[in-house]
PDB file of N, CA and C in Angstrom:
ATOM      1  N   MET A   1      50.606  -0.341 -18.761  1.00  0.00           N
ATOM      2  CA  MET A   1      49.694  -0.053 -19.719  1.00  0.00           C
ATOM      3  C   MET A   1      48.278   0.427 -19.301  1.00  0.00           C
ATOM      4  N   PHE A   2      47.923   1.688 -19.535  1.00  0.00           N
ATOM      5  CA  PHE A   2      47.018   2.680 -19.593  1.00  0.00           C
ATOM      6  C   PHE A   2      45.884   2.272 -20.811  1.00  0.00           C
ATOM      7  N   SER A   3      44.802   2.098 -20.216  1.00  0.00           N
ATOM      8  CA  SER A   3      43.835   2.438 -21.941  1.00  0.00           C
ATOM      9  C   SER A   3      42.543   3.089 -21.505  1.00  0.00           C
ATOM     10  N   GLU A   4      41.730   3.512 -22.637  1.00  0.00           N
ATOM     11  CA  GLU A   4      40.762   4.558 -22.521  1.00  0.00           C
ATOM     12  C   GLU A   4      39.949   3.689 -23.831  1.00  0.00           C
ATOM     13  N   THR A   5      38.871   3.810 -23.524  1.00  0.00           N
ATOM     14  CA  THR A   5      37.538   3.564 -24.855  1.00  0.00           C
ATOM     15  C   THR A   5      36.631   4.868 -25.116  1.00  0.00           C
ATOM     16  N   VAL A   6      36.632   4.931 -26.064  1.00  0.00           N
ATOM     17  CA  VAL A   6      35.481   6.517 -26.240  1.00  0.00           C
ATOM     18  C   VAL A   6      35.034   5.946 -27.382  1.00  0.00           C
ATOM     19  N   ARG A   7      33.542   5.792 -27.311  1.00  0.00           N
ATOM     20  CA  ARG A   7      32.502   5.527 -27.658  1.00  0.00           C
ATOM     21  C   ARG A   7      32.254   6.889 -28.894  1.00  0.00           C
ATOM     22  N   ALA A   8      32.500   6.464 -30.402  1.00  0.00           N
ATOM     23  CA  ALA A   8      32.695   7.874 -31.203  1.00  0.00           C
ATOM     24  C   ALA A   8      31.157   8.677 -31.773  1.00  0.00           C
ATOM     25  N   ASP A   9      30.275   7.477 -31.374  1.00  0.00           N
ATOM     26  CA  ASP A   9      28.661   7.853 -32.326  1.00  0.00           C
ATOM     27  C   ASP A   9      29.208   8.457 -33.433  1.00  0.00           C
ATOM     28  N   ALA A  10      30.155   8.184 -34.008  1.00  0.00           N
ATOM     29  CA  ALA A  10      30.177   8.248 -35.576  1.00  0.00           C
ATOM     30  C   ALA A  10      30.872   6.907 -36.447  1.00  0.00           C
ATOM     31  N   ARG A  11      30.783   7.289 -37.923  1.00  0.00           N
ATOM     32  CA  ARG A  11      31.243   6.001 -38.854  1.00  0.00           C
ATOM     33  C   ARG A  11      32.749   6.168 -38.366  1.00  0.00           C
ATOM     34  N   GLU A  12      33.351   5.338 -38.628  1.00  0.00           N
ATOM     35  CA  GLU A  12      34.779   5.050 -38.386  1.00  0.00           C
ATOM     36  C   GLU A  12      35.232   6.062 -40.071  1.00  0.00           C
ATOM     37  N   GLY A  13      34.873   5.750 -41.620  1.00  0.00           N
ATOM     38  CA  GLY A  13      35.448   6.440 -42.109  1.00  0.00           C
ATOM     39  C   GLY A  13      35.380   8.131 -42.146  1.00  0.00           C
ATOM     40  N   ASP A  14      34.340   8.702 -40.687  1.00  0.00           N
ATOM     41  CA  ASP A  14      34.115   9.951 -40.767  1.00  0.00           C
ATOM     42  C   ASP A  14      35.418  10.502 -40.128  1.00  0.00           C
ATOM     43  N   ILE A  15      35.986   9.795 -39.384  1.00  0.00           N
ATOM     44  CA  ILE A  15      37.077  10.231 -38.444  1.00  0.00           C
ATOM     45  C   ILE A  15      38.390   9.887 -38.429  1.00  0.00           C
ATOM     46  N   GLY A  16      38.693   8.977 -39.345  1.00  0.00           N
ATOM     47  CA  GLY A  16      39.539   8.572 -39.643  1.00  0.00           C
ATOM     48  C   GLY A  16      40.760   9.271 -39.971  1.00  0.00           C
ATOM     49  N   MET A  17      40.764  10.437 -40.937  1.00  0.00           N
ATOM     50  CA  MET A  17      41.866  11.213 -40.960  1.00  0.00           C
ATOM     51  C   MET A  17      42.203  12.110 -39.803  1.00  0.00           C
ATOM     52  N   GLN A  18      40.815  12.521 -38.918  1.00  0.00           N
ATOM     53  CA  GLN A  18      41.518  13.131 -37.842  1.00  0.00           C
ATOM     54  C   GLN A  18      42.294  12.286 -36.641  1.00  0.00           C
ATOM     55  N   LEU A  19      41.833  11.066 -36.640  1.00  0.00           N
ATOM     56  CA  LEU A  19      42.369  10.491 -35.901  1.00  0.00           C
ATOM     57  C   LEU A  19      43.923  10.038 -35.888  1.00  0.00           C
ATOM     58  N   GLY A  20      44.259  10.077 -37.423  1.00  0.00           N
ATOM     59  CA  GLY A  20      45.671  10.055 -37.933  1.00  0.00           C
ATOM     60  C   GLY A  20      46.401  11.399 -37.165  1.00  0.00           C
ATOM     61  N   GLU A  21      45.711  12.339 -37.350  1.00  0.00           N
ATOM     62  CA  GLU A  21      46.582  13.360 -37.397  1.00  0.00           C
ATOM     63  C   GLU A  21      46.113  13.946 -35.800  1.00  0.00           C
ATOM     64  N   ILE A  22      45.191  13.203 -34.919  1.00  0.00           N
ATOM     65  CA  ILE A  22      45.564  13.039 -33.370  1.00  0.00           C
ATOM     66  C   ILE A  22      47.102  12.239 -33.088  1.00  0.00           C
ATOM     67  N   ALA A  23      47.061  11.091 -33.380  1.00  0.00           N
ATOM     68  CA  ALA A  23      48.103  10.179 -33.350  1.00  0.00           C
ATOM     69  C   ALA A  23      49.598  10.554 -33.670  1.00  0.00           C
ATOM     70  N   LYS A  24      49.497  11.261 -34.398  1.00  0.00           N
ATOM     71  CA  LYS A  24      50.809  12.344 -35.030  1.00  0.00           C
ATOM     72  C   LYS A  24      51.467  13.127 -34.139  1.00  0.00           C
ATOM     73  N   ALA A  25      50.269  13.580 -33.370  1.00  0.00           N
ATOM     74  CA  ALA A  25      50.199  14.963 -32.373  1.00  0.00           C
ATOM     75  C   ALA A  25      50.678  14.384 -31.119  1.00  0.00           C
ATOM     76  N   ASN A  26      50.615  12.935 -30.926  1.00  0.00           N
ATOM     77  CA  ASN A  26      50.664  12.266 -29.586  1.00  0.00           C
ATOM     78  C   ASN A  26      51.439  10.957 -29.564  1.00  0.00           C
ATOM     79  N   PRO A  27      52.712  11.487 -30.016  1.00  0.00           N
ATOM     80  CA  PRO A  27      53.611  10.178 -29.787  1.00  0.00           C
ATOM     81  C   PRO A  27      53.366   9.590 -28.141  1.00  0.00           C
ATOM     82  N   GLY A  28      53.905   8.223 -28.296  1.00  0.00           N
ATOM     83  CA  GLY A  28      53.753   7.356 -27.164  1.00  0.00           C
ATOM     84  C   GLY A  28      52.230   7.085 -26.922  1.00  0.00           C
ATOM     85  N   VAL A  29      51.065   7.262 -27.746  1.00  0.00           N
ATOM     86  CA  VAL A  29      49.954   6.823 -27.435  1.00  0.00           C
ATOM     87  C   VAL A  29      49.577   6.254 -28.567  1.00  0.00           C
ATOM     88  N   ALA A  30      48.526   4.834 -28.948  1.00  0.00           N
ATOM     89  CA  ALA A  30      48.476   4.063 -29.738  1.00  0.00           C
ATOM     90  C   ALA A  30      46.921   4.452 -29.983  1.00  0.00           C
ATOM     91  N   ILE A  31      46.538   4.531 -30.975  1.00  0.00           N
ATOM     92  CA  ILE A  31      45.199   5.048 -31.123  1.00  0.00           C
ATOM     93  C   ILE A  31      44.574   3.889 -32.361  1.00  0.00           C
ATOM     94  N   GLY A  32      43.424   2.945 -31.567  1.00  0.00           N
ATOM     95  CA  GLY A  32      42.953   2.100 -32.722  1.00  0.00           C
ATOM     96  C   GLY A  32      41.246   2.683 -32.263  1.00  0.00           C
ATOM     97  N   SER A  33      40.770   2.144 -34.111  1.00  0.00           N
ATOM     98  CA  SER A  33      39.237   2.169 -33.840  1.00  0.00           C
ATOM     99  C   SER A  33      38.657   0.643 -34.310  1.00  0.00           C
ATOM    100  N   TYR A  34      37.810   0.737 -33.833  1.00  0.00           N
ATOM    101  CA  TYR A  34      36.919  -0.619 -33.705  1.00  0.00           C
ATOM    102  C   TYR A  34      35.482  -0.214 -34.359  1.00  0.00           C
ATOM    103  N   PRO A  35      35.343  -0.855 -35.769  1.00  0.00           N
ATOM    104  CA  PRO A  35      33.595  -0.325 -35.833  1.00  0.00           C
ATOM    105  C   PRO A  35      33.018  -1.343 -35.370  1.00  0.00           C
ATOM    106  N   PHE A  36      31.400  -1.209 -35.194  1.00  0.00           N
ATOM    107  CA  PHE A  36      30.134  -2.069 -34.471  1.00  0.00           C
ATOM    108  C   PHE A  36      29.018  -1.223 -35.432  1.00  0.00           C
ATOM    109  N   PHE A  37      28.205  -2.189 -35.188  1.00  0.00           N
ATOM    110  CA  PHE A  37      26.987  -1.901 -35.559  1.00  0.00           C
ATOM    111  C   PHE A  37      26.014  -2.001 -34.264  1.00  0.00           C
ATOM    112  N   ASP A  38      25.670  -0.757 -34.143  1.00  0.00           N
ATOM    113  CA  ASP A  38      24.618  -0.430 -33.279  1.00  0.00           C
ATOM    114  C   ASP A  38      23.287  -0.667 -33.494  1.00  0.00           C
ATOM    115  N   PRO A  39      22.353  -1.570 -33.105  1.00  0.00           N
ATOM    116  CA  PRO A  39      20.763  -2.056 -33.881  1.00  0.00           C
ATOM    117  C   PRO A  39      19.912  -0.468 -33.609  1.00  0.00           C
ATOM    118  N   GLN A  40      20.247   0.029 -32.596  1.00  0.00           N
ATOM    119  CA  GLN A  40      19.140   1.213 -32.429  1.00  0.00           C
ATOM    120  C   GLN A  40      19.984   2.692 -33.517  1.00  0.00           C
ATOM    121  N   HIS A  41      20.988   2.824 -33.810  1.00  0.00           N
ATOM    122  CA  HIS A  41      21.492   3.951 -34.175  1.00  0.00           C
ATOM    123  C   HIS A  41      22.780   3.602 -35.315  1.00  0.00           C
ATOM    124  N   GLY A  42      22.997   2.228 -36.234  1.00  0.00           N
ATOM    125  CA  GLY A  42      23.470   1.989 -37.173  1.00  0.00           C
ATOM    126  C   GLY A  42      24.990   1.895 -36.962  1.00  0.00           C
ATOM    127  N   PRO A  43      25.607   1.928 -37.968  1.00  0.00           N
ATOM    128  CA  PRO A  43      27.390   2.165 -37.630  1.00  0.00           C
ATOM    129  C   PRO A  43      27.676   2.886 -36.793  1.00  0.00           C
ATOM    130  N   ASN A  44      28.714   2.512 -36.030  1.00  0.00           N
ATOM    131  CA  ASN A  44      29.493   2.971 -35.116  1.00  0.00           C
ATOM    132  C   ASN A  44      30.995   2.933 -34.830  1.00  0.00           C
ATOM    133  N   THR A  45      31.703   3.308 -33.844  1.00  0.00           N
ATOM    134  CA  THR A  45      32.506   3.347 -33.841  1.00  0.00           C
ATOM    135  C   THR A  45      33.230   3.236 -32.663  1.00  0.00           C
ATOM    136  N   ASN A  46      34.220   1.845 -31.952  1.00  0.00           N
ATOM    137  CA  ASN A  46      34.855   2.634 -30.437  1.00  0.00           C
ATOM    138  C   ASN A  46      35.800   3.015 -30.972  1.00  0.00           C
ATOM    139  N   VAL A  47      36.755   3.737 -30.157  1.00  0.00           N
ATOM    140  CA  VAL A  47      38.430   4.416 -30.347  1.00  0.00           C
ATOM    141  C   VAL A  47      38.701   3.708 -28.936  1.00  0.00           C
ATOM    142  N   VAL A  48      39.650   3.358 -29.131  1.00  0.00           N
ATOM    143  CA  VAL A  48      40.689   2.793 -27.848  1.00  0.00           C
ATOM    144  C   VAL A  48      42.235   3.509 -27.986  1.00  0.00           C
ATOM    145  N   LEU A  49      42.455   4.230 -26.867  1.00  0.00           N
ATOM    146  CA  LEU A  49      43.766   4.667 -26.882  1.00  0.00           C
ATOM    147  C   LEU A  49      44.258   3.865 -25.685  1.00  0.00           C
ATOM    148  N   ARG A  50      45.685   3.858 -26.280  1.00  0.00           N
ATOM    149  CA  ARG A  50      46.573   2.786 -25.272  1.00  0.00           C
ATOM    150  C   ARG A  50      48.337   3.865 -25.056  1.00  0.00           C
ATOM    151  N   ALA A  51      48.567   3.833 -24.069  1.00  0.00           N
ATOM    152  CA  ALA A  51      49.918   4.586 -23.805  1.00  0.00           C
ATOM    153  C   ALA A  51      50.285   4.039 -22.242  1.00  0.00           C
ATOM    154  N   ARG A  52      51.730   3.796 -22.308  1.00  0.00           N
ATOM    155  CA  ARG A  52      52.174   3.667 -20.452  1.00  0.00           C
ATOM    156  C   ARG A  52      52.562   5.276 -19.871  1.00  0.00           C
ATOM    157  N   ASP A  53      52.149   6.098 -20.558  1.00  0.00           N
ATOM    158  CA  ASP A  53      52.150   7.637 -19.895  1.00  0.00           C
ATOM    159  C   ASP A  53      50.741   7.556 -19.542  1.00  0.00           C
ATOM    160  N   ALA A  54      50.209   7.684 -17.924  1.00  0.00           N
ATOM    161  CA  ALA A  54      48.826   8.501 -18.069  1.00  0.00           C
ATOM    162  C   ALA A  54      48.360   9.670 -18.330  1.00  0.00           C
ATOM    163  N   GLN A  55      49.296  10.725 -18.124  1.00  0.00           N
ATOM    164  CA  GLN A  55      49.476  12.394 -18.539  1.00  0.00           C
ATOM    165  C   GLN A  55      49.034  12.181 -20.366  1.00  0.00           C
ATOM    166  N   LYS A  56      50.119  11.748 -20.929  1.00  0.00           N
ATOM    167  CA  LYS A  56      49.924  11.686 -22.463  1.00  0.00           C
ATOM    168  C   LYS A  56      48.613  10.640 -22.865  1.00  0.00           C
ATOM    169  N   LEU A  57      48.369   9.647 -22.262  1.00  0.00           N
ATOM    170  CA  LEU A  57      47.074   9.303 -22.574  1.00  0.00           C
ATOM    171  C   LEU A  57      45.683  10.495 -21.984  1.00  0.00           C
ATOM    172  N   ALA A  58      45.868  10.900 -21.724  1.00  0.00           N
ATOM    173  CA  ALA A  58      44.609  11.751 -21.239  1.00  0.00           C
ATOM    174  C   ALA A  58      44.621  12.996 -21.909  1.00  0.00           C
ATOM    175  N   LEU A  59      45.974  13.457 -22.536  1.00  0.00           N
ATOM    176  CA  LEU A  59      45.853  14.198 -23.144  1.00  0.00           C
ATOM    177  C   LEU A  59      45.233  13.900 -24.883  1.00  0.00           C
ATOM    178  N   ALA A  60      45.652  12.753 -25.140  1.00  0.00           N
ATOM    179  CA  ALA A  60      44.916  12.508 -26.409  1.00  0.00           C
ATOM    180  C   ALA A  60      43.603  12.185 -26.194  1.00  0.00           C
ATOM    181  N   LYS A  61      42.882  11.514 -24.770  1.00  0.00           N
ATOM    182  CA  LYS A  61      41.534  11.289 -24.966  1.00  0.00           C
ATOM    183  C   LYS A  61      40.811  12.337 -25.234  1.00  0.00           C
ATOM    184  N   SER A  62      41.634  13.641 -24.763  1.00  0.00           N
ATOM    185  CA  SER A  62      40.914  15.070 -24.289  1.00  0.00           C
ATOM    186  C   SER A  62      41.056  15.417 -25.982  1.00  0.00           C
ATOM    187  N   ALA A  63      41.694  15.073 -26.878  1.00  0.00           N
ATOM    188  CA  ALA A  63      42.172  15.544 -28.222  1.00  0.00           C
ATOM    189  C   ALA A  63      40.643  14.969 -29.070  1.00  0.00           C
ATOM    190  N   VAL A  64      40.939  13.306 -28.745  1.00  0.00           N
ATOM    191  CA  VAL A  64      39.468  12.823 -29.350  1.00  0.00           C
ATOM    192  C   VAL A  64      38.436  13.435 -28.800  1.00  0.00           C
ATOM    193  N   GLU A  65      38.442  13.309 -27.669  1.00  0.00           N
ATOM    194  CA  GLU A  65      36.522  13.797 -27.628  1.00  0.00           C
ATOM    195  C   GLU A  65      36.479  15.225 -28.237  1.00  0.00           C
ATOM    196  N   GLY A  66      37.555  16.177 -27.977  1.00  0.00           N
ATOM    197  CA  GLY A  66      36.903  17.500 -28.845  1.00  0.00           C
ATOM    198  C   GLY A  66      37.158  17.406 -30.212  1.00  0.00           C
ATOM    199  N   MET A  67      37.843  15.999 -31.156  1.00  0.00           N
ATOM    200  CA  MET A  67      37.493  15.996 -32.379  1.00  0.00           C
ATOM    201  C   MET A  67      35.977  15.209 -32.756  1.00  0.00           C
ATOM    202  N   LEU A  68      35.686  14.724 -31.577  1.00  0.00           N
ATOM    203  CA  LEU A  68      34.146  13.899 -31.949  1.00  0.00           C
ATOM    204  C   LEU A  68      33.371  14.789 -31.917  1.00  0.00           C
ATOM    205  N   GLU A  69      33.410  15.822 -30.913  1.00  0.00           N
ATOM    206  CA  GLU A  69      32.284  16.544 -30.509  1.00  0.00           C
ATOM    207  C   GLU A  69      32.582  17.696 -31.954  1.00  0.00           C
ATOM    208  N   ARG A  70      33.130  18.188 -32.789  1.00  0.00           N
ATOM    209  CA  ARG A  70      33.443  18.808 -33.724  1.00  0.00           C
ATOM    210  C   ARG A  70      32.614  17.898 -34.860  1.00  0.00           C
ATOM    211  N   VAL A  71      32.984  16.687 -34.971  1.00  0.00           N
ATOM    212  CA  VAL A  71      32.537  15.888 -36.018  1.00  0.00           C
ATOM    213  C   VAL A  71      31.088  15.775 -35.950  1.00  0.00           C
ATOM    214  N   ARG A  72      30.530  15.604 -34.740  1.00  0.00           N
ATOM    215  CA  ARG A  72      29.039  15.390 -34.317  1.00  0.00           C
ATOM    216  C   ARG A  72      27.866  16.889 -34.603  1.00  0.00           C
ATOM    217  N   ARG A  73      28.697  17.712 -34.175  1.00  0.00           N
ATOM    218  CA  ARG A  73      28.368  19.198 -35.014  1.00  0.00           C
ATOM    219  C   ARG A  73      28.109  19.163 -36.190  1.00  0.00           C
ATOM    220  N   ALA A  74      29.212  18.956 -36.806  1.00  0.00           N
ATOM    221  CA  ALA A  74      29.326  19.312 -38.184  1.00  0.00           C
ATOM    222  C   ALA A  74      27.943  18.225 -39.098  1.00  0.00           C
ATOM    223  N   GLN A  75      28.323  17.209 -38.639  1.00  0.00           N
ATOM    224  CA  GLN A  75      27.067  16.123 -38.848  1.00  0.00           C
ATOM    225  C   GLN A  75      25.460  16.450 -38.663  1.00  0.00           C
ATOM    226  N   SER A  76      25.314  17.110 -37.835  1.00  0.00           N
ATOM    227  CA  SER A  76      24.533  17.526 -37.183  1.00  0.00           C
ATOM    228  C   SER A  76      23.428  18.732 -37.629  1.00  0.00           C
ATOM    229  N   SER A  77      25.088  19.741 -38.277  1.00  0.00           N
ATOM    230  CA  SER A  77      24.208  20.735 -39.020  1.00  0.00           C
ATOM    231  C   SER A  77      24.088  20.705 -40.316  1.00  0.00           C
ATOM    232  N   SER A  78      24.504  19.995 -40.635  1.00  0.00           N
ATOM    233  CA  SER A  78      24.607  19.295 -42.366  1.00  0.00           C
ATOM    234  C   SER A  78      23.882  18.131 -42.684  1.00  0.00           C
ATOM    235  N   ALA A  79      22.990  17.689 -41.726  1.00  0.00           N
ATOM    236  CA  ALA A  79      22.087  16.616 -42.206  1.00  0.00           C
ATOM    237  C   ALA A  79      20.723  16.962 -42.685  1.00  0.00           C
ATOM    238  N   SER A  80      19.938  18.161 -42.262  1.00  0.00           N
ATOM    239  CA  SER A  80      19.197  18.716 -43.555  1.00  0.00           C
ATOM    240  C   SER A  80      19.589  19.216 -44.631  1.00  0.00           C
ATOM    241  N   THR A  81      20.788  19.344 -44.846  1.00  0.00           N
ATOM    242  CA  THR A  81      20.994  19.785 -46.290  1.00  0.00           C
ATOM    243  C   THR A  81      21.976  18.752 -47.205  1.00  0.00           C
ATOM    244  N   SER A  82      21.889  17.571 -46.452  1.00  0.00           N
ATOM    245  CA  SER A  82      23.088  16.409 -47.187  1.00  0.00           C
ATOM    246  C   SER A  82      21.993  15.499 -47.875  1.00  0.00           C
ATOM    247  N   PRO A  83      22.230  14.777 -48.782  1.00  0.00           N
ATOM    248  CA  PRO A  83      21.470  13.592 -48.917  1.00  0.00           C
ATOM    249  C   PRO A  83      21.368  12.584 -48.376  1.00  0.00           C
ATOM    250  N   SER A  84      20.132  11.683 -48.464  1.00  0.00           N
ATOM    251  CA  SER A  84      19.847  10.553 -47.596  1.00  0.00           C
ATOM    252  C   SER A  84      21.154   9.761 -47.893  1.00  0.00           C
ATOM    253  N   HIS A  85      21.395   8.894 -46.785  1.00  0.00           N
ATOM    254  CA  HIS A  85      22.084   7.938 -46.483  1.00  0.00           C
ATOM    255  C   HIS A  85      21.830   6.761 -47.701  1.00  0.00           C
ATOM    256  N   GLY A  86      23.539   6.413 -48.377  1.00  0.00           N
ATOM    257  CA  GLY A  86      23.157   5.968 -49.637  1.00  0.00           C
ATOM    258  C   GLY A  86      23.286   6.475 -50.878  1.00  0.00           C
ATOM    259  N   GLU A  87      22.885   7.815 -50.806  1.00  0.00           N
ATOM    260  CA  GLU A  87      22.878   8.490 -52.113  1.00  0.00           C
ATOM    261  C   GLU A  87      24.471   8.988 -52.430  1.00  0.00           C
ATOM    262  N   ASN A  88      25.086   9.200 -53.831  1.00  0.00           N
ATOM    263  CA  ASN A  88      26.406   9.975 -53.999  1.00  0.00           C
ATOM    264  C   ASN A  88      26.205  11.176 -52.844  1.00  0.00           C
ATOM    265  N   ARG A  89      27.044  11.295 -52.710  1.00  0.00           N
ATOM    266  CA  ARG A  89      27.371  12.728 -51.820  1.00  0.00           C
ATOM    267  C   ARG A  89      28.636  13.340 -52.200  1.00  0.00           C
ATOM    268  N   GLY A  90      29.186  12.659 -52.922  1.00  0.00           N
ATOM    269  CA  GLY A  90      30.385  13.323 -53.743  1.00  0.00           C
ATOM    270  C   GLY A  90      31.275  13.377 -53.358  1.00  0.00           C
ATOM    271  N   SER A  91      32.944  14.057 -53.558  1.00  0.00           N
ATOM    272  CA  SER A  91      33.656  14.250 -52.622  1.00  0.00           C
ATOM    273  C   SER A  91      33.731  14.469 -51.367  1.00  0.00           C
ATOM    274  N   SER A  92      34.756  13.832 -50.734  1.00  0.00           N
ATOM    275  CA  SER A  92      34.806  14.215 -49.122  1.00  0.00           C
ATOM    276  C   SER A  92      35.376  15.226 -48.501  1.00  0.00           C
ATOM    277  N   PRO A  93      35.073  15.955 -47.419  1.00  0.00           N
ATOM    278  CA  PRO A  93      35.771  16.807 -46.886  1.00  0.00           C
ATOM    279  C   PRO A  93      37.068  16.325 -46.111  1.00  0.00           C
ATOM    280  N   LEU A  94      36.965  15.627 -46.053  1.00  0.00           N
ATOM    281  CA  LEU A  94      38.232  14.292 -45.215  1.00  0.00           C
ATOM    282  C   LEU A  94      38.972  14.131 -45.936  1.00  0.00           C
ATOM    283  N   GLY A  95      39.317  14.262 -47.373  1.00  0.00           N
ATOM    284  CA  GLY A  95      40.630  13.759 -47.951  1.00  0.00           C
ATOM    285  C   GLY A  95      39.859  12.207 -48.800  1.00  0.00           C
ATOM    286  N   SER A  96      40.975  11.945 -49.589  1.00  0.00           N
ATOM    287  CA  SER A  96      40.899  10.706 -50.624  1.00  0.00           C
ATOM    288  C   SER A  96      40.912   9.654 -49.577  1.00  0.00           C
ATOM    289  N   ALA A  97      40.346   8.748 -50.121  1.00  0.00           N
ATOM    290  CA  ALA A  97      40.777   7.222 -49.835  1.00  0.00           C
ATOM    291  C   ALA A  97      42.136   6.879 -49.791  1.00  0.00           C
ATOM    292  N   ASN A  98      43.150   7.512 -50.837  1.00  0.00           N
ATOM    293  CA  ASN A  98      44.346   7.542 -50.919  1.00  0.00           C
ATOM    294  C   ASN A  98      45.361   8.079 -49.852  1.00  0.00           C
ATOM    295  N   ASP A  99      44.563   9.394 -49.115  1.00  0.00           N
ATOM    296  CA  ASP A  99      45.314  10.202 -48.395  1.00  0.00           C
ATOM    297  C   ASP A  99      44.926   9.360 -46.900  1.00  0.00           C
ATOM    298  N   PHE A 100      43.503   8.415 -46.746  1.00  0.00           N
ATOM    299  CA  PHE A 100      43.131   8.136 -45.526  1.00  0.00           C
ATOM    300  C   PHE A 100      44.228   6.733 -45.113  1.00  0.00           C
ATOM    301  N   LYS A 101      44.571   5.864 -46.555  1.00  0.00           N
ATOM    302  CA  LYS A 101      45.357   4.887 -46.476  1.00  0.00           C
ATOM    303  C   LYS A 101      46.893   5.128 -46.080  1.00  0.00           C
ATOM    304  N   ALA A 102      47.356   6.401 -46.429  1.00  0.00           N
ATOM    305  CA  ALA A 102      48.279   6.534 -46.027  1.00  0.00           C
ATOM    306  C   ALA A 102      48.640   6.990 -44.568  1.00  0.00           C
ATOM    307  N   LEU A 103      48.234   7.323 -43.955  1.00  0.00           N
ATOM    308  CA  LEU A 103      48.153   7.653 -42.514  1.00  0.00           C
ATOM    309  C   LEU A 103      47.290   5.848 -41.532  1.00  0.00           C
ATOM    310  N   VAL A 104      46.587   5.379 -42.362  1.00  0.00           N
ATOM    311  CA  VAL A 104      46.341   4.166 -41.418  1.00  0.00           C
ATOM    312  C   VAL A 104      47.087   2.806 -41.508  1.00  0.00           C
ATOM    313  N   LYS A 105      47.086   1.824 -40.684  1.00  0.00           N
ATOM    314  CA  LYS A 105      47.667   0.187 -41.086  1.00  0.00           C
ATOM    315  C   LYS A 105      46.590  -0.447 -40.562  1.00  0.00           C
ATOM    316  N   THR A 106      46.159  -1.717 -40.487  1.00  0.00           N
ATOM    317  CA  THR A 106      45.400  -2.327 -40.141  1.00  0.00           C
ATOM    318  C   THR A 106      46.669  -3.611 -39.476  1.00  0.00           C
ATOM    319  N   SER A 107      45.932  -3.927 -38.506  1.00  0.00           N
ATOM    320  CA  SER A 107      46.833  -4.751 -37.407  1.00  0.00           C
ATOM    321  C   SER A 107      46.296  -6.253 -38.000  1.00  0.00           C
ATOM    322  N   GLU A 108      47.490  -6.989 -37.056  1.00  0.00           N
ATOM    323  CA  GLU A 108      46.570  -8.733 -37.561  1.00  0.00           C
ATOM    324  C   GLU A 108      45.393  -9.204 -37.051  1.00  0.00           C
ATOM    325  N   GLU A 109      45.030  -8.348 -35.712  1.00  0.00           N
ATOM    326  CA  GLU A 109      43.711  -8.581 -35.243  1.00  0.00           C
ATOM    327  C   GLU A 109      42.528  -7.915 -36.186  1.00  0.00           C
ATOM    328  N   GLY A 110      42.889  -6.726 -37.301  1.00  0.00           N
ATOM    329  CA  GLY A 110      41.912  -6.281 -38.260  1.00  0.00           C
ATOM    330  C   GLY A 110      41.407  -4.621 -37.446  1.00  0.00           C
ATOM    331  N   GLU A 111      42.266  -3.934 -36.107  1.00  0.00           N
ATOM    332  CA  GLU A 111      41.793  -3.113 -36.125  1.00  0.00           C
ATOM    333  C   GLU A 111      42.205  -1.797 -36.864  1.00  0.00           C
ATOM    334  N   MET A 112      42.114  -0.981 -36.519  1.00  0.00           N
ATOM    335  CA  MET A 112      42.443   0.163 -37.634  1.00  0.00           C
ATOM    336  C   MET A 112      43.227   1.048 -36.163  1.00  0.00           C
ATOM    337  N   LEU A 113      44.638   1.150 -36.947  1.00  0.00           N
ATOM    338  CA  LEU A 113      45.606   1.624 -36.102  1.00  0.00           C
ATOM    339  C   LEU A 113      46.360   3.198 -36.392  1.00  0.00           C
ATOM    340  N   TYR A 114      46.383   4.175 -36.015  1.00  0.00           N
ATOM    341  CA  TYR A 114      46.325   5.631 -36.534  1.00  0.00           C
ATOM    342  C   TYR A 114      47.696   6.167 -36.257  1.00  0.00           C
ATOM    343  N   GLY A 115      48.425   6.427 -37.170  1.00  0.00           N
ATOM    344  CA  GLY A 115      50.416   6.834 -36.578  1.00  0.00           C
ATOM    345  C   GLY A 115      51.082   5.937 -36.157  1.00  0.00           C
ATOM    346  N   LYS A 116      51.606   6.385 -35.275  1.00  0.00           N
ATOM    347  CA  LYS A 116      52.810   5.211 -34.699  1.00  0.00           C
ATOM    348  C   LYS A 116      53.280   5.893 -33.313  1.00  0.00           C
ATOM    349  N   CYS A 117      53.198   4.522 -32.640  1.00  0.00           N
ATOM    350  CA  CYS A 117      53.239   4.662 -30.934  1.00  0.00           C
ATOM    351  C   CYS A 117      54.310   4.599 -30.734  1.00  0.00           C
ATOM    352  N   THR A 118      55.513   5.280 -30.290  1.00  0.00           N
ATOM    353  CA  THR A 118      56.748   5.006 -29.659  1.00  0.00           C
ATOM    354  C   THR A 118      56.847   4.847 -28.660  1.00  0.00           C
ATOM    355  N   ALA A 119      55.822   4.286 -27.525  1.00  0.00           N
ATOM    356  CA  ALA A 119      56.341   3.991 -26.197  1.00  0.00           C
ATOM    357  C   ALA A 119      56.863   2.794 -25.947  1.00  0.00           C
TER     358      ALA A 119
END
């Protein structure tokens, strides 16, 4: 089993829908997210990818890294126009909580798993 970890530099809730889409597009790769708190930067997430096939793992990792770059760019460009942290931001462009729950399940260890691994 091969494994890769990518530091998201984003909150888990900000990337969940996209991780689900990447998992659907990459059967054979299990994708999990592990939120943590960085004392210098606040809430963050590690994304862990696991697969039996190194090439499939590399393709999925590349997709995750590309998605994270797009999320970071979108967040930095909207930072000057967004309300301060903690204020009501209205609806999310990422979809509703029910959409998110439909794509995500929680493992016994508490990690978030996206899509379905068929490996």
